[in-house]
Amino acid sequence: MPQQPAAAAASTTHLVLIPSYNPGRKVLETVRAARAQWTPVWVVVDGSTDGSAEWLQAEAATDPGLRVIVQPINRGKGAAVLEGITQAAQAGFSHALTMDSDGQHPETLIPTFMAASQAAPDAMVLGKPVFGPEAPALRVNGRKVSNGWANLETLGMGIGDSLYGFRVYPIAALMRVMHGTRFMRRFDFDPEAVVRLCWAGVRPINIDAPVRYFSPEEGGVSHFKYLRDNALLTWMHTRLLVGFVLRLPVLVWRRVRG
């Protein structure tokens, strides 16, 4: 039987939300590490077929601070987050820290990000990745393009990184922008969420956070498909650019005003 997590900070307003799709055994390490830092932790299993739903449900059976939501089919990261925050809002939570299930995100910074959110509840707290030498150069350099577009589309509101999924969202604001579009349900979720939240007047707070890349031998799993996902990002930024042009007078007025 797994050892129970150490006592973690308890909250009735902020929770950790982990969307998960076929992460392998890494998910158990990730969840236990997050639970050692925070209570509660919720996991949305997005149609996984690797047995992780059963592993997590067994974990939750002995840990009241862990909740597992199982989606019967894979619908995408954004859809998993939307399901999680919808149920979180119904339970009275106001903010959700999202993190990946594959161990890449720094669970030790959960309290730091939550404290920043609690101090500025109307803002979103964004992780700004600090890469190690093992990070794939193609991924590191490629995200600069998306970051450039995101800052153009928000008239430089200060998005430190548009793709890093370790961040705290105000749940009500995120639900509004997600219900306002049929997009941002899959890999396009992270960058589109920050752009649309900026459009809605939610300011970003950036905090440096390391990101870890694991080899397959270390249990690393990646679902990133270079051609497919870059095509999705290109389409996303095309429609966001159109939205930016339509909102340009409002964005300029907002910047001039303060």
C-alpha atoms as a PDB file:
ATOM      1  CA  MET A   1       0.000   0.000   0.000  1.00  0.00           C
ATOM      2  CA  PRO A   2       1.421   3.471  -0.884  1.00  0.00           C
ATOM      3  CA  GLN A   3       2.534   5.677   1.944  1.00  0.00           C
ATOM      4  CA  GLN A   4       0.072   8.470   2.734  1.00  0.00           C
ATOM      5  CA  PRO A   5       1.190  11.963   1.668  1.00  0.00           C
ATOM      6  CA  ALA A   6       2.635  14.266   4.271  1.00  0.00           C
ATOM      7  CA  ALA A   7       0.348  16.940   5.693  1.00  0.00           C
ATOM      8  CA  ALA A   8      -0.372  19.480   2.952  1.00  0.00           C
ATOM      9  CA  ALA A   9      -1.905  22.924   2.947  1.00  0.00           C
ATOM     10  CA  ALA A  10      -5.696  22.643   2.771  1.00  0.00           C
ATOM     11  CA  SER A  11      -7.834  25.070   0.779  1.00  0.00           C
ATOM     12  CA  THR A  12     -11.545  25.553   0.123  1.00  0.00           C
ATOM     13  CA  THR A  13     -10.912  28.005  -2.739  1.00  0.00           C
ATOM     14  CA  HIS A  14      -7.858  26.748  -4.658  1.00  0.00           C
ATOM     15  CA  LEU A  15      -7.329  23.226  -5.943  1.00  0.00           C
ATOM     16  CA  VAL A  16      -4.740  21.459  -8.098  1.00  0.00           C
ATOM     17  CA  LEU A  17      -6.255  20.122 -11.320  1.00  0.00           C
ATOM     18  CA  ILE A  18      -4.349  17.540 -13.375  1.00  0.00           C
ATOM     19  CA  PRO A  19      -5.689  16.603 -16.824  1.00  0.00           C
ATOM     20  CA  SER A  20      -4.256  13.222 -17.762  1.00  0.00           C
ATOM     21  CA  TYR A  21      -4.099  11.086 -20.883  1.00  0.00           C
ATOM     22  CA  ASN A  22      -2.064   7.850 -21.037  1.00  0.00           C
ATOM     23  CA  PRO A  23       0.798   9.103 -18.839  1.00  0.00           C
ATOM     24  CA  GLY A  24       1.992   5.703 -17.690  1.00  0.00           C
ATOM     25  CA  ARG A  25       3.196   5.113 -14.157  1.00  0.00           C
ATOM     26  CA  LYS A  26       4.602   8.667 -13.956  1.00  0.00           C
ATOM     27  CA  VAL A  27       1.121   9.845 -13.041  1.00  0.00           C
ATOM     28  CA  LEU A  28       1.327   8.215  -9.623  1.00  0.00           C
ATOM     29  CA  GLU A  29       4.602   9.993  -8.854  1.00  0.00           C
ATOM     30  CA  THR A  30       3.112  13.267 -10.074  1.00  0.00           C
ATOM     31  CA  VAL A  31      -0.058  12.958  -8.024  1.00  0.00           C
ATOM     32  CA  ARG A  32       1.734  11.897  -4.844  1.00  0.00           C
ATOM     33  CA  ALA A  33       4.191  14.779  -5.217  1.00  0.00           C
ATOM     34  CA  ALA A  34       1.344  17.254  -5.738  1.00  0.00           C
ATOM     35  CA  ARG A  35      -0.557  15.847  -2.751  1.00  0.00           C
ATOM     36  CA  ALA A  36       2.505  16.367  -0.561  1.00  0.00           C
ATOM     37  CA  GLN A  37       2.245  20.075  -1.414  1.00  0.00           C
ATOM     38  CA  TRP A  38      -1.499  20.741  -1.559  1.00  0.00           C
ATOM     39  CA  THR A  39      -4.995  19.612  -0.653  1.00  0.00           C
ATOM     40  CA  PRO A  40      -7.126  18.961  -2.633  1.00  0.00           C
ATOM     41  CA  VAL A  41      -5.782  17.491  -5.855  1.00  0.00           C
ATOM     42  CA  TRP A  42      -8.185  16.463  -8.612  1.00  0.00           C
ATOM     43  CA  VAL A  43      -7.250  14.377 -11.660  1.00  0.00           C
ATOM     44  CA  VAL A  44      -9.350  14.278 -14.834  1.00  0.00           C
ATOM     45  CA  VAL A  45      -8.562  11.040 -16.681  1.00  0.00           C
ATOM     46  CA  ASP A  46      -9.247  11.901 -20.320  1.00  0.00           C
ATOM     47  CA  GLY A  47     -10.173   8.544 -21.822  1.00  0.00           C
ATOM     48  CA  SER A  48      -6.866   6.901 -20.914  1.00  0.00           C
ATOM     49  CA  THR A  49      -6.338   3.305 -22.005  1.00  0.00           C
ATOM     50  CA  ASP A  50      -3.109   2.583 -20.097  1.00  0.00           C
ATOM     51  CA  GLY A  51      -4.671   1.501 -16.813  1.00  0.00           C
ATOM     52  CA  SER A  52      -3.988   4.844 -15.109  1.00  0.00           C
ATOM     53  CA  ALA A  53      -7.665   5.388 -14.249  1.00  0.00           C
ATOM     54  CA  GLU A  54      -7.657   2.221 -12.146  1.00  0.00           C
ATOM     55  CA  TRP A  55      -4.333   3.073 -10.508  1.00  0.00           C
ATOM     56  CA  LEU A  56      -5.582   6.533  -9.581  1.00  0.00           C
ATOM     57  CA  GLN A  57      -8.915   5.307  -8.300  1.00  0.00           C
ATOM     58  CA  ALA A  58      -7.099   2.862  -6.044  1.00  0.00           C
ATOM     59  CA  GLU A  59      -4.938   5.741  -4.805  1.00  0.00           C
ATOM     60  CA  ALA A  60      -7.977   7.923  -4.147  1.00  0.00           C
ATOM     61  CA  ALA A  61      -9.653   5.141  -2.175  1.00  0.00           C
ATOM     62  CA  THR A  62      -7.077   5.626   0.575  1.00  0.00           C
ATOM     63  CA  ASP A  63      -6.533   9.382   0.189  1.00  0.00           C
ATOM     64  CA  PRO A  64      -9.493  11.711   0.889  1.00  0.00           C
ATOM     65  CA  GLY A  65      -7.519  14.655  -0.497  1.00  0.00           C
ATOM     66  CA  LEU A  66      -7.483  13.107  -3.987  1.00  0.00           C
ATOM     67  CA  ARG A  67     -10.428  13.018  -6.373  1.00  0.00           C
ATOM     68  CA  VAL A  68     -10.431  11.235  -9.738  1.00  0.00           C
ATOM     69  CA  ILE A  69     -12.839  12.146 -12.552  1.00  0.00           C
ATOM     70  CA  VAL A  70     -12.880   9.625 -15.397  1.00  0.00           C
ATOM     71  CA  GLN A  71     -13.928  10.670 -18.904  1.00  0.00           C
ATOM     72  CA  PRO A  72     -15.002   7.615 -20.943  1.00  0.00           C
ATOM     73  CA  ILE A  73     -13.411   8.863 -24.189  1.00  0.00           C
ATOM     74  CA  ASN A  74     -10.460  11.087 -25.056  1.00  0.00           C
ATOM     75  CA  ARG A  75     -11.771  14.609 -25.722  1.00  0.00           C
ATOM     76  CA  GLY A  76      -8.591  16.667 -25.351  1.00  0.00           C
ATOM     77  CA  LYS A  77      -6.771  18.626 -22.656  1.00  0.00           C
ATOM     78  CA  GLY A  78      -9.000  21.673 -22.839  1.00  0.00           C
ATOM     79  CA  ALA A  79     -12.144  19.571 -22.579  1.00  0.00           C
ATOM     80  CA  ALA A  80     -10.679  17.770 -19.560  1.00  0.00           C
ATOM     81  CA  VAL A  81      -9.847  21.065 -17.869  1.00  0.00           C
ATOM     82  CA  LEU A  82     -13.352  22.401 -18.603  1.00  0.00           C
ATOM     83  CA  GLU A  83     -14.933  19.325 -17.027  1.00  0.00           C
ATOM     84  CA  GLY A  84     -12.686  19.701 -13.990  1.00  0.00           C
ATOM     85  CA  ILE A  85     -13.319  23.414 -13.421  1.00  0.00           C
ATOM     86  CA  THR A  86     -17.050  22.967 -13.984  1.00  0.00           C
ATOM     87  CA  GLN A  87     -17.223  20.433 -11.178  1.00  0.00           C
ATOM     88  CA  ALA A  88     -14.834  22.543  -9.080  1.00  0.00           C
ATOM     89  CA  ALA A  89     -17.076  25.602  -9.436  1.00  0.00           C
ATOM     90  CA  GLN A  90     -20.060  23.512  -8.376  1.00  0.00           C
ATOM     91  CA  ALA A  91     -18.078  22.488  -5.290  1.00  0.00           C
ATOM     92  CA  GLY A  92     -17.339  26.132  -4.420  1.00  0.00           C
ATOM     93  CA  PHE A  93     -13.754  26.496  -5.641  1.00  0.00           C
ATOM     94  CA  SER A  94     -12.692  29.781  -7.237  1.00  0.00           C
ATOM     95  CA  HIS A  95      -9.230  28.951  -8.648  1.00  0.00           C
ATOM     96  CA  ALA A  96      -7.472  25.969 -10.199  1.00  0.00           C
ATOM     97  CA  LEU A  97      -3.765  25.316 -10.654  1.00  0.00           C
ATOM     98  CA  THR A  98      -3.317  23.134 -13.723  1.00  0.00           C
ATOM     99  CA  MET A  99      -0.300  20.901 -14.173  1.00  0.00           C
ATOM    100  CA  ASP A 100       0.621  18.025 -16.454  1.00  0.00           C
ATOM    101  CA  SER A 101       0.450  14.430 -15.283  1.00  0.00           C
ATOM    102  CA  ASP A 102       3.822  13.351 -16.712  1.00  0.00           C
ATOM    103  CA  GLY A 103       6.084  14.799 -14.028  1.00  0.00           C
ATOM    104  CA  GLN A 104       7.453  17.710 -16.085  1.00  0.00           C
ATOM    105  CA  HIS A 105       6.067  20.446 -13.848  1.00  0.00           C
ATOM    106  CA  PRO A 106       7.593  21.598 -10.521  1.00  0.00           C
ATOM    107  CA  GLU A 107       5.229  20.421  -7.798  1.00  0.00           C
ATOM    108  CA  THR A 108       7.366  22.122  -5.132  1.00  0.00           C
ATOM    109  CA  LEU A 109       6.230  25.497  -6.535  1.00  0.00           C
ATOM    110  CA  ILE A 110       2.536  24.767  -6.039  1.00  0.00           C
ATOM    111  CA  PRO A 111       2.388  26.716  -2.722  1.00  0.00           C
ATOM    112  CA  THR A 112       4.254  29.657  -4.306  1.00  0.00           C
ATOM    113  CA  PHE A 113       1.840  29.876  -7.239  1.00  0.00           C
ATOM    114  CA  MET A 114      -1.182  29.471  -4.984  1.00  0.00           C
ATOM    115  CA  ALA A 115       0.046  32.243  -2.687  1.00  0.00           C
ATOM    116  CA  ALA A 116       0.506  34.563  -5.670  1.00  0.00           C
ATOM    117  CA  SER A 117      -3.038  33.786  -6.791  1.00  0.00           C
ATOM    118  CA  GLN A 118      -4.471  34.321  -3.328  1.00  0.00           C
ATOM    119  CA  ALA A 119      -2.744  37.715  -3.184  1.00  0.00           C
ATOM    120  CA  ALA A 120      -4.146  38.722  -6.599  1.00  0.00           C
ATOM    121  CA  PRO A 121      -7.305  36.664  -7.147  1.00  0.00           C
ATOM    122  CA  ASP A 122      -8.386  38.554 -10.269  1.00  0.00           C
ATOM    123  CA  ALA A 123      -5.135  37.675 -12.080  1.00  0.00           C
ATOM    124  CA  MET A 124      -3.856  34.477 -13.686  1.00  0.00           C
ATOM    125  CA  VAL A 125      -0.500  33.180 -12.490  1.00  0.00           C
ATOM    126  CA  LEU A 126       1.570  31.823 -15.374  1.00  0.00           C
ATOM    127  CA  GLY A 127       4.641  29.631 -15.183  1.00  0.00           C
ATOM    128  CA  LYS A 128       7.542  30.900 -17.268  1.00  0.00           C
ATOM    129  CA  PRO A 129       9.609  27.817 -18.099  1.00  0.00           C
ATOM    130  CA  VAL A 130      13.267  27.493 -17.219  1.00  0.00           C
ATOM    131  CA  PHE A 131      14.664  24.729 -19.411  1.00  0.00           C
ATOM    132  CA  GLY A 132      17.401  22.288 -18.522  1.00  0.00           C
ATOM    133  CA  PRO A 133      20.064  21.011 -20.954  1.00  0.00           C
ATOM    134  CA  GLU A 134      17.931  17.939 -21.754  1.00  0.00           C
ATOM    135  CA  ALA A 135      15.124  20.020 -23.268  1.00  0.00           C
ATOM    136  CA  PRO A 136      14.680  19.380 -27.024  1.00  0.00           C
ATOM    137  CA  ALA A 137      15.961  22.419 -28.931  1.00  0.00           C
ATOM    138  CA  LEU A 138      13.150  22.113 -31.479  1.00  0.00           C
ATOM    139  CA  ARG A 139      10.539  22.446 -28.742  1.00  0.00           C
ATOM    140  CA  VAL A 140      12.350  25.274 -26.949  1.00  0.00           C
ATOM    141  CA  ASN A 141      12.846  27.356 -30.093  1.00  0.00           C
ATOM    142  CA  GLY A 142       9.463  26.546 -31.588  1.00  0.00           C
ATOM    143  CA  ARG A 143       7.537  27.959 -28.649  1.00  0.00           C
ATOM    144  CA  LYS A 144       9.113  31.371 -29.239  1.00  0.00           C
ATOM    145  CA  VAL A 145       6.941  31.690 -32.326  1.00  0.00           C
ATOM    146  CA  SER A 146       3.755  31.015 -30.379  1.00  0.00           C
ATOM    147  CA  ASN A 147       4.851  33.401 -27.624  1.00  0.00           C
ATOM    148  CA  GLY A 148       5.479  36.157 -30.173  1.00  0.00           C
ATOM    149  CA  TRP A 149       2.015  35.735 -31.673  1.00  0.00           C
ATOM    150  CA  ALA A 150       0.364  35.643 -28.253  1.00  0.00           C
ATOM    151  CA  ASN A 151       1.969  38.909 -27.213  1.00  0.00           C
ATOM    152  CA  LEU A 152       0.990  40.538 -30.502  1.00  0.00           C
ATOM    153  CA  GLU A 153      -2.597  39.322 -30.138  1.00  0.00           C
ATOM    154  CA  THR A 154      -2.813  40.831 -26.632  1.00  0.00           C
ATOM    155  CA  LEU A 155      -0.965  44.056 -27.481  1.00  0.00           C
ATOM    156  CA  GLY A 156       1.869  43.109 -25.155  1.00  0.00           C
ATOM    157  CA  MET A 157      -0.105  42.516 -21.970  1.00  0.00           C
ATOM    158  CA  GLY A 158       2.857  40.520 -20.652  1.00  0.00           C
ATOM    159  CA  ILE A 159       2.387  36.811 -21.346  1.00  0.00           C
ATOM    160  CA  GLY A 160       5.730  35.320 -20.328  1.00  0.00           C
ATOM    161  CA  ASP A 161       5.007  31.967 -21.979  1.00  0.00           C
ATOM    162  CA  SER A 162       1.843  30.951 -23.794  1.00  0.00           C
ATOM    163  CA  LEU A 163       2.378  27.182 -23.814  1.00  0.00           C
ATOM    164  CA  TYR A 164       3.529  26.240 -20.323  1.00  0.00           C
ATOM    165  CA  GLY A 165       0.585  24.551 -18.617  1.00  0.00           C
ATOM    166  CA  PHE A 166       1.696  25.072 -15.012  1.00  0.00           C
ATOM    167  CA  ARG A 167      -0.524  28.011 -14.067  1.00  0.00           C
ATOM    168  CA  VAL A 168      -3.369  29.193 -11.833  1.00  0.00           C
ATOM    169  CA  TYR A 169      -6.650  30.273 -13.427  1.00  0.00           C
ATOM    170  CA  PRO A 170      -9.609  32.169 -11.958  1.00  0.00           C
ATOM    171  CA  ILE A 171     -12.266  29.535 -12.619  1.00  0.00           C
ATOM    172  CA  ALA A 172     -15.224  31.829 -13.370  1.00  0.00           C
ATOM    173  CA  ALA A 173     -13.273  33.857 -15.942  1.00  0.00           C
ATOM    174  CA  LEU A 174     -11.898  30.737 -17.628  1.00  0.00           C
ATOM    175  CA  MET A 175     -15.343  29.155 -17.839  1.00  0.00           C
ATOM    176  CA  ARG A 176     -16.743  32.292 -19.474  1.00  0.00           C
ATOM    177  CA  VAL A 177     -14.122  32.381 -22.212  1.00  0.00           C
ATOM    178  CA  MET A 178     -14.361  28.638 -22.829  1.00  0.00           C
ATOM    179  CA  HIS A 179     -18.141  28.710 -23.116  1.00  0.00           C
ATOM    180  CA  GLY A 180     -17.755  31.593 -25.564  1.00  0.00           C
ATOM    181  CA  THR A 181     -15.949  29.474 -28.164  1.00  0.00           C
ATOM    182  CA  ARG A 182     -16.114  25.937 -29.503  1.00  0.00           C
ATOM    183  CA  PHE A 183     -12.322  25.880 -29.819  1.00  0.00           C
ATOM    184  CA  MET A 184      -9.533  25.514 -27.192  1.00  0.00           C
ATOM    185  CA  ARG A 185     -10.560  21.963 -26.319  1.00  0.00           C
ATOM    186  CA  ARG A 186      -7.357  20.129 -27.295  1.00  0.00           C
ATOM    187  CA  PHE A 187      -3.645  21.040 -27.547  1.00  0.00           C
ATOM    188  CA  ASP A 188      -4.653  24.609 -28.408  1.00  0.00           C
ATOM    189  CA  PHE A 189      -6.039  25.107 -24.899  1.00  0.00           C
ATOM    190  CA  ASP A 190      -3.037  26.605 -23.091  1.00  0.00           C
ATOM    191  CA  PRO A 191      -2.126  29.422 -25.533  1.00  0.00           C
ATOM    192  CA  GLU A 192      -5.713  30.284 -26.448  1.00  0.00           C
ATOM    193  CA  ALA A 193      -6.754  30.421 -22.806  1.00  0.00           C
ATOM    194  CA  VAL A 194      -4.183  33.075 -21.896  1.00  0.00           C
ATOM    195  CA  VAL A 195      -4.929  35.195 -24.975  1.00  0.00           C
ATOM    196  CA  ARG A 196      -8.685  35.127 -24.427  1.00  0.00           C
ATOM    197  CA  LEU A 197      -8.299  35.802 -20.709  1.00  0.00           C
ATOM    198  CA  CYS A 198      -6.122  38.806 -21.511  1.00  0.00           C
ATOM    199  CA  TRP A 199      -8.844  40.025 -23.877  1.00  0.00           C
ATOM    200  CA  ALA A 200     -11.281  39.641 -20.980  1.00  0.00           C
ATOM    201  CA  GLY A 201      -9.097  41.885 -18.819  1.00  0.00           C
ATOM    202  CA  VAL A 202      -7.438  39.187 -16.686  1.00  0.00           C
ATOM    203  CA  ARG A 203      -3.858  40.302 -16.154  1.00  0.00           C
ATOM    204  CA  PRO A 204      -0.987  37.814 -16.166  1.00  0.00           C
ATOM    205  CA  ILE A 205       1.532  37.385 -13.369  1.00  0.00           C
ATOM    206  CA  ASN A 206       4.652  35.482 -14.489  1.00  0.00           C
ATOM    207  CA  ILE A 207       6.766  33.305 -12.210  1.00  0.00           C
ATOM    208  CA  ASP A 208       9.837  31.369 -13.343  1.00  0.00           C
ATOM    209  CA  ALA A 209       9.400  27.607 -13.065  1.00  0.00           C
ATOM    210  CA  PRO A 210      11.658  24.758 -14.192  1.00  0.00           C
ATOM    211  CA  VAL A 211      10.423  22.204 -16.712  1.00  0.00           C
ATOM    212  CA  ARG A 212      11.776  18.661 -16.850  1.00  0.00           C
ATOM    213  CA  TYR A 213      11.959  16.395 -19.883  1.00  0.00           C
ATOM    214  CA  PHE A 214      12.220  12.674 -19.181  1.00  0.00           C
ATOM    215  CA  SER A 215      13.591  10.054 -21.537  1.00  0.00           C
ATOM    216  CA  PRO A 216      11.475   6.971 -22.326  1.00  0.00           C
ATOM    217  CA  GLU A 217      13.795   4.997 -20.042  1.00  0.00           C
ATOM    218  CA  GLU A 218      12.856   7.390 -17.218  1.00  0.00           C
ATOM    219  CA  GLY A 219       9.152   6.926 -17.895  1.00  0.00           C
ATOM    220  CA  GLY A 220       8.748  10.004 -20.067  1.00  0.00           C
ATOM    221  CA  VAL A 221       5.700  10.068 -22.351  1.00  0.00           C
ATOM    222  CA  SER A 222       4.969  12.679 -25.023  1.00  0.00           C
ATOM    223  CA  HIS A 223       1.793  12.995 -27.071  1.00  0.00           C
ATOM    224  CA  PHE A 224       3.104  15.981 -29.036  1.00  0.00           C
ATOM    225  CA  LYS A 225       2.893  15.415 -32.801  1.00  0.00           C
ATOM    226  CA  TYR A 226       5.062  17.977 -34.569  1.00  0.00           C
ATOM    227  CA  LEU A 227       3.090  18.400 -37.818  1.00  0.00           C
ATOM    228  CA  ARG A 228      -0.406  17.883 -36.389  1.00  0.00           C
ATOM    229  CA  ASP A 229       0.027  20.114 -33.358  1.00  0.00           C
ATOM    230  CA  ASN A 230       1.868  22.878 -35.176  1.00  0.00           C
ATOM    231  CA  ALA A 231      -0.912  22.915 -37.768  1.00  0.00           C
ATOM    232  CA  LEU A 232      -3.401  23.237 -34.915  1.00  0.00           C
ATOM    233  CA  LEU A 233      -1.422  26.123 -33.419  1.00  0.00           C
ATOM    234  CA  THR A 234      -1.195  27.851 -36.796  1.00  0.00           C
ATOM    235  CA  TRP A 235      -4.972  27.667 -37.240  1.00  0.00           C
ATOM    236  CA  MET A 236      -5.457  28.862 -33.666  1.00  0.00           C
ATOM    237  CA  HIS A 237      -3.259  31.935 -34.119  1.00  0.00           C
ATOM    238  CA  THR A 238      -4.957  32.702 -37.449  1.00  0.00           C
ATOM    239  CA  ARG A 239      -8.368  32.947 -35.813  1.00  0.00           C
ATOM    240  CA  LEU A 240      -6.937  34.754 -32.783  1.00  0.00           C
ATOM    241  CA  LEU A 241      -5.341  37.323 -35.060  1.00  0.00           C
ATOM    242  CA  VAL A 242      -8.754  37.988 -36.600  1.00  0.00           C
ATOM    243  CA  GLY A 243     -10.184  38.362 -33.105  1.00  0.00           C
ATOM    244  CA  PHE A 244      -7.330  40.692 -32.187  1.00  0.00           C
ATOM    245  CA  VAL A 245      -8.059  42.997 -35.132  1.00  0.00           C
ATOM    246  CA  LEU A 246     -11.729  43.170 -34.161  1.00  0.00           C
ATOM    247  CA  ARG A 247     -10.803  43.982 -30.552  1.00  0.00           C
ATOM    248  CA  LEU A 248      -7.937  46.344 -31.353  1.00  0.00           C
ATOM    249  CA  PRO A 249      -9.759  49.601 -30.459  1.00  0.00           C
ATOM    250  CA  VAL A 250     -10.735  48.216 -27.052  1.00  0.00           C
ATOM    251  CA  LEU A 251      -7.230  46.872 -26.392  1.00  0.00           C
ATOM    252  CA  VAL A 252      -5.618  50.173 -27.370  1.00  0.00           C
ATOM    253  CA  TRP A 253      -8.048  52.120 -25.174  1.00  0.00           C
ATOM    254  CA  ARG A 254      -7.323  49.769 -22.267  1.00  0.00           C
ATOM    255  CA  ARG A 255      -3.573  50.238 -22.666  1.00  0.00           C
ATOM    256  CA  VAL A 256      -3.833  54.025 -22.937  1.00  0.00           C
ATOM    257  CA  ARG A 257      -6.084  54.201 -19.893  1.00  0.00           C
ATOM    258  CA  GLY A 258      -3.554  52.430 -17.756  1.00  0.00           C
END
